[in-house]
């Protein structure tokens, strides 16, 4: 189950890293789906029957657009969605993997028996979504000719993240991507209940508290969520990543997502609210949605400037 969590909650590079160390990737897939069904059986008895709980699964969901308008890239984009989202969600909604996933993975992906298909179909109450940014998909059929293929090679496509004017320490931002992801779940999977579990801006870790890019990020994506709700999405909740700067799975302490800065040089690890924390607090209290309005709260200097004045 631990490896299932890694592959559903982080980037595919970790899945590929795992696959590259195994001659046969089937055990992971079997553990993933049968482990899920085991949880469902246990959950029906313990959580739903006794505790009235809910059972869901978390999906790392990029939004993908074709790199060009060419037919190959358009088809590859849908293929990428089938691999990145459908690999996990299709069995839960339809009882089987997407056809293209089964075709490209071949015998390396197990087949569901009729009983297993019935057990896993509909075995969830909600979908958790982690969404950060939008990528572009370019068809790459040469990957299918590789002797030893992993998940990325089976997808037969390249993921391209166009930075443009985006700072090198940040990922490209497309606010509409979240609304697109929610619309996709609505159209393809029957609009299940969805909770945004993670959504936040990655920056280099520093002592500055003036994180206006994060304020604009939050404002833009919450606006995108509002657009999706107005369009009929069954989204039920939103969580920003993260409350404070933490040890990141992919980048340790080098990057930061937090609304609060943690002074690692302080023996008590003192926390300082960033500009984004002030904006988010005001937003939750229903006072503002404009990213510029937070500037009226107070002028915030960096921790380094604060220390130098003491």
C-alpha atoms as a PDB file:
ATOM      1  CA  UNK A   1       0.000   0.000   0.000  1.00  0.00           C
ATOM      2  CA  UNK A   2       2.923   2.365   0.625  1.00  0.00           C
ATOM      3  CA  UNK A   3       4.051   2.135  -2.968  1.00  0.00           C
ATOM      4  CA  UNK A   4       0.496   2.751  -4.134  1.00  0.00           C
ATOM      5  CA  UNK A   5       0.482   6.022  -2.199  1.00  0.00           C
ATOM      6  CA  UNK A   6       3.789   7.079  -3.725  1.00  0.00           C
ATOM      7  CA  UNK A   7       2.582   6.516  -7.255  1.00  0.00           C
ATOM      8  CA  UNK A   8      -0.788   8.166  -6.834  1.00  0.00           C
ATOM      9  CA  UNK A   9       0.344  11.169  -4.859  1.00  0.00           C
ATOM     10  CA  UNK A  10       3.615  12.172  -6.492  1.00  0.00           C
ATOM     11  CA  UNK A  11       5.068  12.623  -9.942  1.00  0.00           C
ATOM     12  CA  UNK A  12       5.405   9.742 -12.378  1.00  0.00           C
ATOM     13  CA  UNK A  13       9.182   9.975 -12.045  1.00  0.00           C
ATOM     14  CA  UNK A  14       8.819   8.030  -8.811  1.00  0.00           C
ATOM     15  CA  UNK A  15       6.693   5.400 -10.514  1.00  0.00           C
ATOM     16  CA  UNK A  16       9.298   5.146 -13.265  1.00  0.00           C
ATOM     17  CA  UNK A  17      12.054   4.887 -10.669  1.00  0.00           C
ATOM     18  CA  UNK A  18      10.234   1.972  -9.108  1.00  0.00           C
ATOM     19  CA  UNK A  19       9.532   0.275 -12.415  1.00  0.00           C
ATOM     20  CA  UNK A  20      13.154   0.654 -13.511  1.00  0.00           C
ATOM     21  CA  UNK A  21      14.211  -1.383 -10.500  1.00  0.00           C
ATOM     22  CA  UNK A  22      11.781  -4.182 -11.220  1.00  0.00           C
ATOM     23  CA  UNK A  23      11.845  -6.553 -14.148  1.00  0.00           C
ATOM     24  CA  UNK A  24       8.108  -6.983 -13.926  1.00  0.00           C
ATOM     25  CA  UNK A  25       5.860  -4.068 -13.001  1.00  0.00           C
ATOM     26  CA  UNK A  26       2.764  -6.226 -12.490  1.00  0.00           C
ATOM     27  CA  UNK A  27       3.182  -6.665  -8.710  1.00  0.00           C
ATOM     28  CA  UNK A  28       2.790  -2.931  -8.175  1.00  0.00           C
ATOM     29  CA  UNK A  29      -0.401  -2.801 -10.216  1.00  0.00           C
ATOM     30  CA  UNK A  30      -1.809  -5.875  -8.512  1.00  0.00           C
ATOM     31  CA  UNK A  31      -1.019  -4.434  -5.087  1.00  0.00           C
ATOM     32  CA  UNK A  32      -2.541  -1.130  -6.127  1.00  0.00           C
ATOM     33  CA  UNK A  33      -5.904  -2.437  -7.247  1.00  0.00           C
ATOM     34  CA  UNK A  34      -6.262  -5.444  -4.965  1.00  0.00           C
ATOM     35  CA  UNK A  35      -4.986  -3.412  -2.060  1.00  0.00           C
ATOM     36  CA  UNK A  36      -7.665  -0.851  -2.840  1.00  0.00           C
ATOM     37  CA  UNK A  37     -10.325  -3.519  -2.897  1.00  0.00           C
ATOM     38  CA  UNK A  38      -9.064  -4.877   0.434  1.00  0.00           C
ATOM     39  CA  UNK A  39      -9.423  -1.415   1.911  1.00  0.00           C
ATOM     40  CA  UNK A  40     -12.933  -1.164   0.522  1.00  0.00           C
ATOM     41  CA  UNK A  41     -14.010  -4.470   2.051  1.00  0.00           C
ATOM     42  CA  UNK A  42     -12.541  -3.505   5.412  1.00  0.00           C
ATOM     43  CA  UNK A  43     -13.938  -0.010   5.086  1.00  0.00           C
ATOM     44  CA  UNK A  44     -17.465  -1.192   4.409  1.00  0.00           C
ATOM     45  CA  UNK A  45     -17.418  -3.025   7.732  1.00  0.00           C
ATOM     46  CA  UNK A  46     -15.409  -0.670   9.920  1.00  0.00           C
ATOM     47  CA  UNK A  47     -15.774   2.826   8.502  1.00  0.00           C
ATOM     48  CA  UNK A  48     -19.111   3.015   6.776  1.00  0.00           C
ATOM     49  CA  UNK A  49     -20.944   0.449   8.860  1.00  0.00           C
ATOM     50  CA  UNK A  50     -19.740   1.508  12.283  1.00  0.00           C
ATOM     51  CA  UNK A  51     -18.197   4.977  11.967  1.00  0.00           C
ATOM     52  CA  UNK A  52     -20.226   6.314   9.014  1.00  0.00           C
ATOM     53  CA  UNK A  53     -16.991   7.248   7.254  1.00  0.00           C
ATOM     54  CA  UNK A  54     -16.140   7.890   3.622  1.00  0.00           C
ATOM     55  CA  UNK A  55     -13.604   6.180   1.377  1.00  0.00           C
ATOM     56  CA  UNK A  56     -11.693   7.836  -1.436  1.00  0.00           C
ATOM     57  CA  UNK A  57      -8.485   7.845  -3.433  1.00  0.00           C
ATOM     58  CA  UNK A  58      -6.093  10.682  -4.204  1.00  0.00           C
ATOM     59  CA  UNK A  59      -5.009  11.410  -7.790  1.00  0.00           C
ATOM     60  CA  UNK A  60      -2.178  13.664  -8.938  1.00  0.00           C
ATOM     61  CA  UNK A  61      -3.970  15.344 -11.821  1.00  0.00           C
ATOM     62  CA  UNK A  62      -2.122  17.561 -14.247  1.00  0.00           C
ATOM     63  CA  UNK A  63      -4.128  19.186 -16.965  1.00  0.00           C
ATOM     64  CA  UNK A  64      -2.780  18.481 -20.449  1.00  0.00           C
ATOM     65  CA  UNK A  65      -3.060  20.456 -23.662  1.00  0.00           C
ATOM     66  CA  UNK A  66      -1.677  19.346 -27.046  1.00  0.00           C
ATOM     67  CA  UNK A  67       1.737  20.787 -27.852  1.00  0.00           C
ATOM     68  CA  UNK A  68       0.491  21.479 -31.385  1.00  0.00           C
ATOM     69  CA  UNK A  69      -2.888  21.289 -33.106  1.00  0.00           C
ATOM     70  CA  UNK A  70      -1.706  18.263 -35.068  1.00  0.00           C
ATOM     71  CA  UNK A  71      -3.799  15.108 -34.871  1.00  0.00           C
ATOM     72  CA  UNK A  72      -0.911  13.113 -33.381  1.00  0.00           C
ATOM     73  CA  UNK A  73      -0.503  15.490 -30.453  1.00  0.00           C
ATOM     74  CA  UNK A  74      -4.261  15.715 -29.878  1.00  0.00           C
ATOM     75  CA  UNK A  75      -4.552  11.909 -29.727  1.00  0.00           C
ATOM     76  CA  UNK A  76      -1.446  11.706 -27.530  1.00  0.00           C
ATOM     77  CA  UNK A  77      -2.976  14.212 -25.120  1.00  0.00           C
ATOM     78  CA  UNK A  78      -5.995  11.995 -24.538  1.00  0.00           C
ATOM     79  CA  UNK A  79      -3.648   9.033 -24.180  1.00  0.00           C
ATOM     80  CA  UNK A  80      -1.735  10.903 -21.475  1.00  0.00           C
ATOM     81  CA  UNK A  81      -4.980  11.568 -19.598  1.00  0.00           C
ATOM     82  CA  UNK A  82      -5.848   7.880 -19.835  1.00  0.00           C
ATOM     83  CA  UNK A  83      -2.481   6.946 -18.337  1.00  0.00           C
ATOM     84  CA  UNK A  84      -2.207   9.680 -15.722  1.00  0.00           C
ATOM     85  CA  UNK A  85      -5.842   9.704 -14.573  1.00  0.00           C
ATOM     86  CA  UNK A  86      -7.652   6.784 -16.205  1.00  0.00           C
ATOM     87  CA  UNK A  87      -5.184   4.168 -14.953  1.00  0.00           C
ATOM     88  CA  UNK A  88      -6.513   4.789 -11.435  1.00  0.00           C
ATOM     89  CA  UNK A  89     -10.014   6.187 -11.908  1.00  0.00           C
ATOM     90  CA  UNK A  90     -11.358   4.044 -14.765  1.00  0.00           C
ATOM     91  CA  UNK A  91     -11.372   0.820 -12.693  1.00  0.00           C
ATOM     92  CA  UNK A  92     -13.195   2.624  -9.891  1.00  0.00           C
ATOM     93  CA  UNK A  93     -15.861   4.011 -12.212  1.00  0.00           C
ATOM     94  CA  UNK A  94     -16.042   1.486 -15.075  1.00  0.00           C
ATOM     95  CA  UNK A  95     -14.448  -1.628 -13.576  1.00  0.00           C
ATOM     96  CA  UNK A  96     -11.441  -1.825 -15.916  1.00  0.00           C
ATOM     97  CA  UNK A  97      -8.362   0.004 -17.157  1.00  0.00           C
ATOM     98  CA  UNK A  98      -8.580   2.249 -20.243  1.00  0.00           C
ATOM     99  CA  UNK A  99      -8.246   0.281 -23.488  1.00  0.00           C
ATOM    100  CA  UNK A 100      -5.102   2.166 -24.566  1.00  0.00           C
ATOM    101  CA  UNK A 101      -3.420   1.422 -21.250  1.00  0.00           C
ATOM    102  CA  UNK A 102      -4.134  -2.293 -21.631  1.00  0.00           C
ATOM    103  CA  UNK A 103      -3.007  -2.256 -25.261  1.00  0.00           C
ATOM    104  CA  UNK A 104       0.322  -0.514 -24.661  1.00  0.00           C
ATOM    105  CA  UNK A 105       1.157  -2.238 -21.385  1.00  0.00           C
ATOM    106  CA  UNK A 106       0.234  -5.661 -22.768  1.00  0.00           C
ATOM    107  CA  UNK A 107       0.846  -8.588 -20.434  1.00  0.00           C
ATOM    108  CA  UNK A 108       2.593  -6.324 -17.926  1.00  0.00           C
ATOM    109  CA  UNK A 109      -0.778  -5.201 -16.641  1.00  0.00           C
ATOM    110  CA  UNK A 110      -3.064  -7.849 -15.138  1.00  0.00           C
ATOM    111  CA  UNK A 111      -6.606  -8.439 -16.275  1.00  0.00           C
ATOM    112  CA  UNK A 112      -9.539  -8.045 -13.915  1.00  0.00           C
ATOM    113  CA  UNK A 113     -11.707 -11.078 -13.370  1.00  0.00           C
ATOM    114  CA  UNK A 114     -15.453 -10.483 -13.517  1.00  0.00           C
ATOM    115  CA  UNK A 115     -15.611 -10.638  -9.723  1.00  0.00           C
ATOM    116  CA  UNK A 116     -12.707  -8.201  -9.284  1.00  0.00           C
ATOM    117  CA  UNK A 117     -14.259  -5.805 -11.762  1.00  0.00           C
ATOM    118  CA  UNK A 118     -17.542  -5.831  -9.850  1.00  0.00           C
ATOM    119  CA  UNK A 119     -15.728  -5.382  -6.542  1.00  0.00           C
ATOM    120  CA  UNK A 120     -13.681  -2.365  -7.582  1.00  0.00           C
ATOM    121  CA  UNK A 121     -16.366  -0.627  -9.676  1.00  0.00           C
ATOM    122  CA  UNK A 122     -18.026   2.086  -7.626  1.00  0.00           C
ATOM    123  CA  UNK A 123     -15.835   1.367  -4.596  1.00  0.00           C
ATOM    124  CA  UNK A 124     -15.264   4.991  -3.623  1.00  0.00           C
ATOM    125  CA  UNK A 125     -17.173   7.883  -2.117  1.00  0.00           C
ATOM    126  CA  UNK A 126     -14.974  10.726  -3.346  1.00  0.00           C
ATOM    127  CA  UNK A 127     -11.898  11.559  -5.407  1.00  0.00           C
ATOM    128  CA  UNK A 128      -9.067  13.615  -3.939  1.00  0.00           C
ATOM    129  CA  UNK A 129      -7.201  15.732  -6.500  1.00  0.00           C
ATOM    130  CA  UNK A 130      -3.720  17.219  -6.306  1.00  0.00           C
ATOM    131  CA  UNK A 131      -3.347  19.867  -9.005  1.00  0.00           C
ATOM    132  CA  UNK A 132      -0.501  22.320  -9.487  1.00  0.00           C
ATOM    133  CA  UNK A 133       0.017  23.117 -13.149  1.00  0.00           C
ATOM    134  CA  UNK A 134      -0.728  22.385 -16.809  1.00  0.00           C
ATOM    135  CA  UNK A 135       1.610  20.561 -19.170  1.00  0.00           C
ATOM    136  CA  UNK A 136       1.795  20.120 -22.935  1.00  0.00           C
ATOM    137  CA  UNK A 137       1.818  16.740 -24.648  1.00  0.00           C
ATOM    138  CA  UNK A 138       3.822  15.846 -27.735  1.00  0.00           C
ATOM    139  CA  UNK A 139       3.384  12.492 -29.440  1.00  0.00           C
ATOM    140  CA  UNK A 140       6.459  10.242 -29.306  1.00  0.00           C
ATOM    141  CA  UNK A 141       5.723   6.801 -30.830  1.00  0.00           C
ATOM    142  CA  UNK A 142       9.434   5.886 -30.731  1.00  0.00           C
ATOM    143  CA  UNK A 143       9.058   5.106 -27.038  1.00  0.00           C
ATOM    144  CA  UNK A 144       6.930   2.071 -27.912  1.00  0.00           C
ATOM    145  CA  UNK A 145       9.924   0.559 -29.700  1.00  0.00           C
ATOM    146  CA  UNK A 146      12.042   0.446 -26.548  1.00  0.00           C
ATOM    147  CA  UNK A 147      13.001  -3.048 -25.375  1.00  0.00           C
ATOM    148  CA  UNK A 148      12.294  -2.333 -21.709  1.00  0.00           C
ATOM    149  CA  UNK A 149       9.367   0.017 -21.293  1.00  0.00           C
ATOM    150  CA  UNK A 150       8.034   1.645 -18.154  1.00  0.00           C
ATOM    151  CA  UNK A 151       4.926   3.715 -17.505  1.00  0.00           C
ATOM    152  CA  UNK A 152       6.240   6.796 -19.337  1.00  0.00           C
ATOM    153  CA  UNK A 153       7.338   4.792 -22.371  1.00  0.00           C
ATOM    154  CA  UNK A 154       3.967   3.042 -22.605  1.00  0.00           C
ATOM    155  CA  UNK A 155       2.329   6.460 -22.720  1.00  0.00           C
ATOM    156  CA  UNK A 156       4.320   7.138 -25.927  1.00  0.00           C
ATOM    157  CA  UNK A 157       4.350  10.878 -25.352  1.00  0.00           C
ATOM    158  CA  UNK A 158       6.572  13.631 -24.007  1.00  0.00           C
ATOM    159  CA  UNK A 159       5.390  15.995 -21.281  1.00  0.00           C
ATOM    160  CA  UNK A 160       6.616  19.521 -21.944  1.00  0.00           C
ATOM    161  CA  UNK A 161       6.361  22.301 -19.397  1.00  0.00           C
ATOM    162  CA  UNK A 162       6.771  25.596 -21.203  1.00  0.00           C
ATOM    163  CA  UNK A 163       8.118  28.191 -18.828  1.00  0.00           C
ATOM    164  CA  UNK A 164       8.109  31.349 -20.962  1.00  0.00           C
ATOM    165  CA  UNK A 165       8.397  34.229 -18.497  1.00  0.00           C
ATOM    166  CA  UNK A 166       7.986  31.954 -15.483  1.00  0.00           C
ATOM    167  CA  UNK A 167      10.888  32.309 -12.993  1.00  0.00           C
ATOM    168  CA  UNK A 168      13.274  29.321 -13.105  1.00  0.00           C
ATOM    169  CA  UNK A 169      12.426  28.337  -9.528  1.00  0.00           C
ATOM    170  CA  UNK A 170       8.704  28.117 -10.263  1.00  0.00           C
ATOM    171  CA  UNK A 171       6.440  25.962 -12.405  1.00  0.00           C
ATOM    172  CA  UNK A 172       4.340  27.414 -15.229  1.00  0.00           C
ATOM    173  CA  UNK A 173       0.949  28.567 -14.036  1.00  0.00           C
ATOM    174  CA  UNK A 174      -2.325  28.146 -15.927  1.00  0.00           C
ATOM    175  CA  UNK A 175      -5.251  28.944 -13.649  1.00  0.00           C
ATOM    176  CA  UNK A 176      -7.839  27.447 -16.000  1.00  0.00           C
ATOM    177  CA  UNK A 177      -6.170  24.038 -15.666  1.00  0.00           C
ATOM    178  CA  UNK A 178      -7.994  23.296 -12.410  1.00  0.00           C
ATOM    179  CA  UNK A 179     -11.381  24.078 -13.957  1.00  0.00           C
ATOM    180  CA  UNK A 180     -10.441  21.867 -16.925  1.00  0.00           C
ATOM    181  CA  UNK A 181      -9.557  18.958 -14.621  1.00  0.00           C
ATOM    182  CA  UNK A 182     -12.857  19.279 -12.768  1.00  0.00           C
ATOM    183  CA  UNK A 183     -14.777  19.518 -16.040  1.00  0.00           C
ATOM    184  CA  UNK A 184     -12.999  16.366 -17.248  1.00  0.00           C
ATOM    185  CA  UNK A 185     -14.102  14.451 -14.143  1.00  0.00           C
ATOM    186  CA  UNK A 186     -17.614  15.750 -14.668  1.00  0.00           C
ATOM    187  CA  UNK A 187     -17.833  14.764 -18.337  1.00  0.00           C
ATOM    188  CA  UNK A 188     -15.915  11.469 -18.274  1.00  0.00           C
ATOM    189  CA  UNK A 189     -16.564  10.066 -14.797  1.00  0.00           C
ATOM    190  CA  UNK A 190     -20.085  11.238 -14.005  1.00  0.00           C
ATOM    191  CA  UNK A 191     -19.190  14.206 -11.785  1.00  0.00           C
ATOM    192  CA  UNK A 192     -18.139  12.393  -8.583  1.00  0.00           C
ATOM    193  CA  UNK A 193     -17.600  14.297  -5.321  1.00  0.00           C
ATOM    194  CA  UNK A 194     -14.137  15.865  -5.476  1.00  0.00           C
ATOM    195  CA  UNK A 195     -11.919  17.464  -2.864  1.00  0.00           C
ATOM    196  CA  UNK A 196      -8.890  19.484  -3.939  1.00  0.00           C
ATOM    197  CA  UNK A 197      -6.322  18.035  -1.556  1.00  0.00           C
ATOM    198  CA  UNK A 198      -3.278  19.955  -2.777  1.00  0.00           C
ATOM    199  CA  UNK A 199      -2.836  23.168  -4.753  1.00  0.00           C
ATOM    200  CA  UNK A 200       0.007  25.597  -4.142  1.00  0.00           C
ATOM    201  CA  UNK A 201       2.940  27.548  -5.531  1.00  0.00           C
ATOM    202  CA  UNK A 202       6.485  26.236  -5.428  1.00  0.00           C
ATOM    203  CA  UNK A 203       9.197  28.829  -4.804  1.00  0.00           C
ATOM    204  CA  UNK A 204      12.780  28.707  -3.653  1.00  0.00           C
ATOM    205  CA  UNK A 205      13.026  28.615   0.100  1.00  0.00           C
ATOM    206  CA  UNK A 206      13.953  32.063   1.426  1.00  0.00           C
ATOM    207  CA  UNK A 207      13.285  34.342   4.375  1.00  0.00           C
ATOM    208  CA  UNK A 208      11.135  36.819   2.480  1.00  0.00           C
ATOM    209  CA  UNK A 209       7.569  37.152   3.623  1.00  0.00           C
ATOM    210  CA  UNK A 210       6.497  39.201   0.620  1.00  0.00           C
ATOM    211  CA  UNK A 211       5.208  36.312  -1.507  1.00  0.00           C
ATOM    212  CA  UNK A 212       2.860  38.175  -3.839  1.00  0.00           C
ATOM    213  CA  UNK A 213       3.249  35.468  -6.549  1.00  0.00           C
ATOM    214  CA  UNK A 214       1.692  32.988  -4.105  1.00  0.00           C
ATOM    215  CA  UNK A 215      -1.170  35.391  -3.367  1.00  0.00           C
ATOM    216  CA  UNK A 216      -1.882  35.688  -7.096  1.00  0.00           C
ATOM    217  CA  UNK A 217      -1.602  31.905  -7.447  1.00  0.00           C
ATOM    218  CA  UNK A 218      -4.172  31.280  -4.721  1.00  0.00           C
ATOM    219  CA  UNK A 219      -6.496  33.943  -6.034  1.00  0.00           C
ATOM    220  CA  UNK A 220      -6.289  32.613  -9.588  1.00  0.00           C
ATOM    221  CA  UNK A 221      -6.871  28.956  -8.744  1.00  0.00           C
ATOM    222  CA  UNK A 222      -9.657  29.637  -6.268  1.00  0.00           C
ATOM    223  CA  UNK A 223     -11.252  31.677  -9.046  1.00  0.00           C
ATOM    224  CA  UNK A 224     -10.828  28.708 -11.386  1.00  0.00           C
ATOM    225  CA  UNK A 225     -12.514  26.477  -8.800  1.00  0.00           C
ATOM    226  CA  UNK A 226     -15.384  28.967  -8.620  1.00  0.00           C
ATOM    227  CA  UNK A 227     -15.735  28.829 -12.413  1.00  0.00           C
ATOM    228  CA  UNK A 228     -15.951  25.032 -12.230  1.00  0.00           C
ATOM    229  CA  UNK A 229     -18.594  25.159  -9.495  1.00  0.00           C
ATOM    230  CA  UNK A 230     -20.684  27.573 -11.526  1.00  0.00           C
ATOM    231  CA  UNK A 231     -20.397  25.121 -14.405  1.00  0.00           C
ATOM    232  CA  UNK A 232     -21.797  22.266 -12.334  1.00  0.00           C
ATOM    233  CA  UNK A 233     -18.705  20.618 -10.833  1.00  0.00           C
ATOM    234  CA  UNK A 234     -19.314  18.446  -7.786  1.00  0.00           C
ATOM    235  CA  UNK A 235     -16.219  19.804  -6.018  1.00  0.00           C
ATOM    236  CA  UNK A 236     -16.809  19.770  -2.263  1.00  0.00           C
ATOM    237  CA  UNK A 237     -13.661  21.280  -0.725  1.00  0.00           C
ATOM    238  CA  UNK A 238     -10.299  22.953  -1.264  1.00  0.00           C
ATOM    239  CA  UNK A 239      -7.000  22.680   0.613  1.00  0.00           C
ATOM    240  CA  UNK A 240      -3.966  24.773  -0.247  1.00  0.00           C
ATOM    241  CA  UNK A 241      -0.510  23.234  -0.006  1.00  0.00           C
ATOM    242  CA  UNK A 242       0.775  24.099   2.419  1.00  0.00           C
ATOM    243  CA  UNK A 243       0.067  25.683   5.802  1.00  0.00           C
ATOM    244  CA  UNK A 244       3.788  26.194   6.445  1.00  0.00           C
ATOM    245  CA  UNK A 245       7.124  25.447   4.786  1.00  0.00           C
ATOM    246  CA  UNK A 246       7.817  21.744   5.256  1.00  0.00           C
ATOM    247  CA  UNK A 247      10.259  19.076   4.125  1.00  0.00           C
ATOM    248  CA  UNK A 248       9.090  18.463   0.554  1.00  0.00           C
ATOM    249  CA  UNK A 249       9.088  14.910  -0.777  1.00  0.00           C
ATOM    250  CA  UNK A 250      10.736  15.839  -4.082  1.00  0.00           C
ATOM    251  CA  UNK A 251      12.963  18.742  -3.024  1.00  0.00           C
ATOM    252  CA  UNK A 252      13.561  18.620   0.717  1.00  0.00           C
ATOM    253  CA  UNK A 253      14.064  22.082   2.232  1.00  0.00           C
ATOM    254  CA  UNK A 254      15.198  23.663  -1.047  1.00  0.00           C
ATOM    255  CA  UNK A 255      11.701  24.666  -2.121  1.00  0.00           C
ATOM    256  CA  UNK A 256       8.779  26.141  -0.230  1.00  0.00           C
ATOM    257  CA  UNK A 257       5.007  26.040  -0.585  1.00  0.00           C
ATOM    258  CA  UNK A 258       3.974  27.361   2.811  1.00  0.00           C
ATOM    259  CA  UNK A 259       1.825  30.288   3.875  1.00  0.00           C
ATOM    260  CA  UNK A 260       4.076  30.489   6.934  1.00  0.00           C
ATOM    261  CA  UNK A 261       7.860  30.735   6.918  1.00  0.00           C
ATOM    262  CA  UNK A 262       9.705  28.537   9.422  1.00  0.00           C
ATOM    263  CA  UNK A 263      13.000  29.912  10.717  1.00  0.00           C
ATOM    264  CA  UNK A 264      15.222  26.835  10.692  1.00  0.00           C
ATOM    265  CA  UNK A 265      18.003  28.775  12.473  1.00  0.00           C
ATOM    266  CA  UNK A 266      15.778  29.415  15.461  1.00  0.00           C
ATOM    267  CA  UNK A 267      15.943  26.719  18.155  1.00  0.00           C
ATOM    268  CA  UNK A 268      12.173  26.930  18.552  1.00  0.00           C
ATOM    269  CA  UNK A 269      11.572  26.917  14.762  1.00  0.00           C
ATOM    270  CA  UNK A 270       9.589  30.145  15.025  1.00  0.00           C
ATOM    271  CA  UNK A 271       6.917  30.650  12.369  1.00  0.00           C
ATOM    272  CA  UNK A 272       6.196  33.903  10.537  1.00  0.00           C
ATOM    273  CA  UNK A 273       3.076  34.543   8.429  1.00  0.00           C
ATOM    274  CA  UNK A 274       3.781  35.485   4.833  1.00  0.00           C
ATOM    275  CA  UNK A 275       1.735  37.911   2.783  1.00  0.00           C
ATOM    276  CA  UNK A 276      -0.211  34.924   1.455  1.00  0.00           C
ATOM    277  CA  UNK A 277      -1.237  33.927   4.991  1.00  0.00           C
ATOM    278  CA  UNK A 278      -2.750  37.382   5.558  1.00  0.00           C
ATOM    279  CA  UNK A 279      -4.558  37.258   2.210  1.00  0.00           C
ATOM    280  CA  UNK A 280      -5.877  33.723   2.767  1.00  0.00           C
ATOM    281  CA  UNK A 281      -7.085  34.601   6.244  1.00  0.00           C
ATOM    282  CA  UNK A 282      -8.997  37.596   4.914  1.00  0.00           C
ATOM    283  CA  UNK A 283     -10.411  35.517   2.071  1.00  0.00           C
ATOM    284  CA  UNK A 284     -11.667  32.789   4.427  1.00  0.00           C
ATOM    285  CA  UNK A 285     -13.372  35.463   6.487  1.00  0.00           C
ATOM    286  CA  UNK A 286     -15.170  36.612   3.367  1.00  0.00           C
ATOM    287  CA  UNK A 287     -13.477  39.992   3.193  1.00  0.00           C
ATOM    288  CA  UNK A 288     -11.674  39.947  -0.130  1.00  0.00           C
ATOM    289  CA  UNK A 289     -10.839  38.050  -3.312  1.00  0.00           C
ATOM    290  CA  UNK A 290      -8.602  40.650  -4.964  1.00  0.00           C
ATOM    291  CA  UNK A 291      -4.882  39.823  -4.590  1.00  0.00           C
ATOM    292  CA  UNK A 292      -4.044  43.527  -4.331  1.00  0.00           C
ATOM    293  CA  UNK A 293      -6.320  44.094  -1.351  1.00  0.00           C
ATOM    294  CA  UNK A 294      -3.909  42.294   0.969  1.00  0.00           C
ATOM    295  CA  UNK A 295      -1.463  45.167   0.609  1.00  0.00           C
ATOM    296  CA  UNK A 296      -3.797  47.183   2.776  1.00  0.00           C
ATOM    297  CA  UNK A 297      -3.191  44.815   5.709  1.00  0.00           C
ATOM    298  CA  UNK A 298       0.329  45.948   6.498  1.00  0.00           C
ATOM    299  CA  UNK A 299       3.763  46.323   4.983  1.00  0.00           C
ATOM    300  CA  UNK A 300       5.690  43.139   5.579  1.00  0.00           C
ATOM    301  CA  UNK A 301       9.466  42.960   5.489  1.00  0.00           C
ATOM    302  CA  UNK A 302      11.657  39.904   5.249  1.00  0.00           C
ATOM    303  CA  UNK A 303      12.916  37.970   8.230  1.00  0.00           C
ATOM    304  CA  UNK A 304      16.446  39.047   7.375  1.00  0.00           C
ATOM    305  CA  UNK A 305      15.437  42.690   7.488  1.00  0.00           C
ATOM    306  CA  UNK A 306      13.679  42.120  10.811  1.00  0.00           C
ATOM    307  CA  UNK A 307      16.770  40.464  12.275  1.00  0.00           C
ATOM    308  CA  UNK A 308      19.066  43.217  11.032  1.00  0.00           C
ATOM    309  CA  UNK A 309      16.978  45.884  12.762  1.00  0.00           C
ATOM    310  CA  UNK A 310      17.162  44.160  16.134  1.00  0.00           C
END
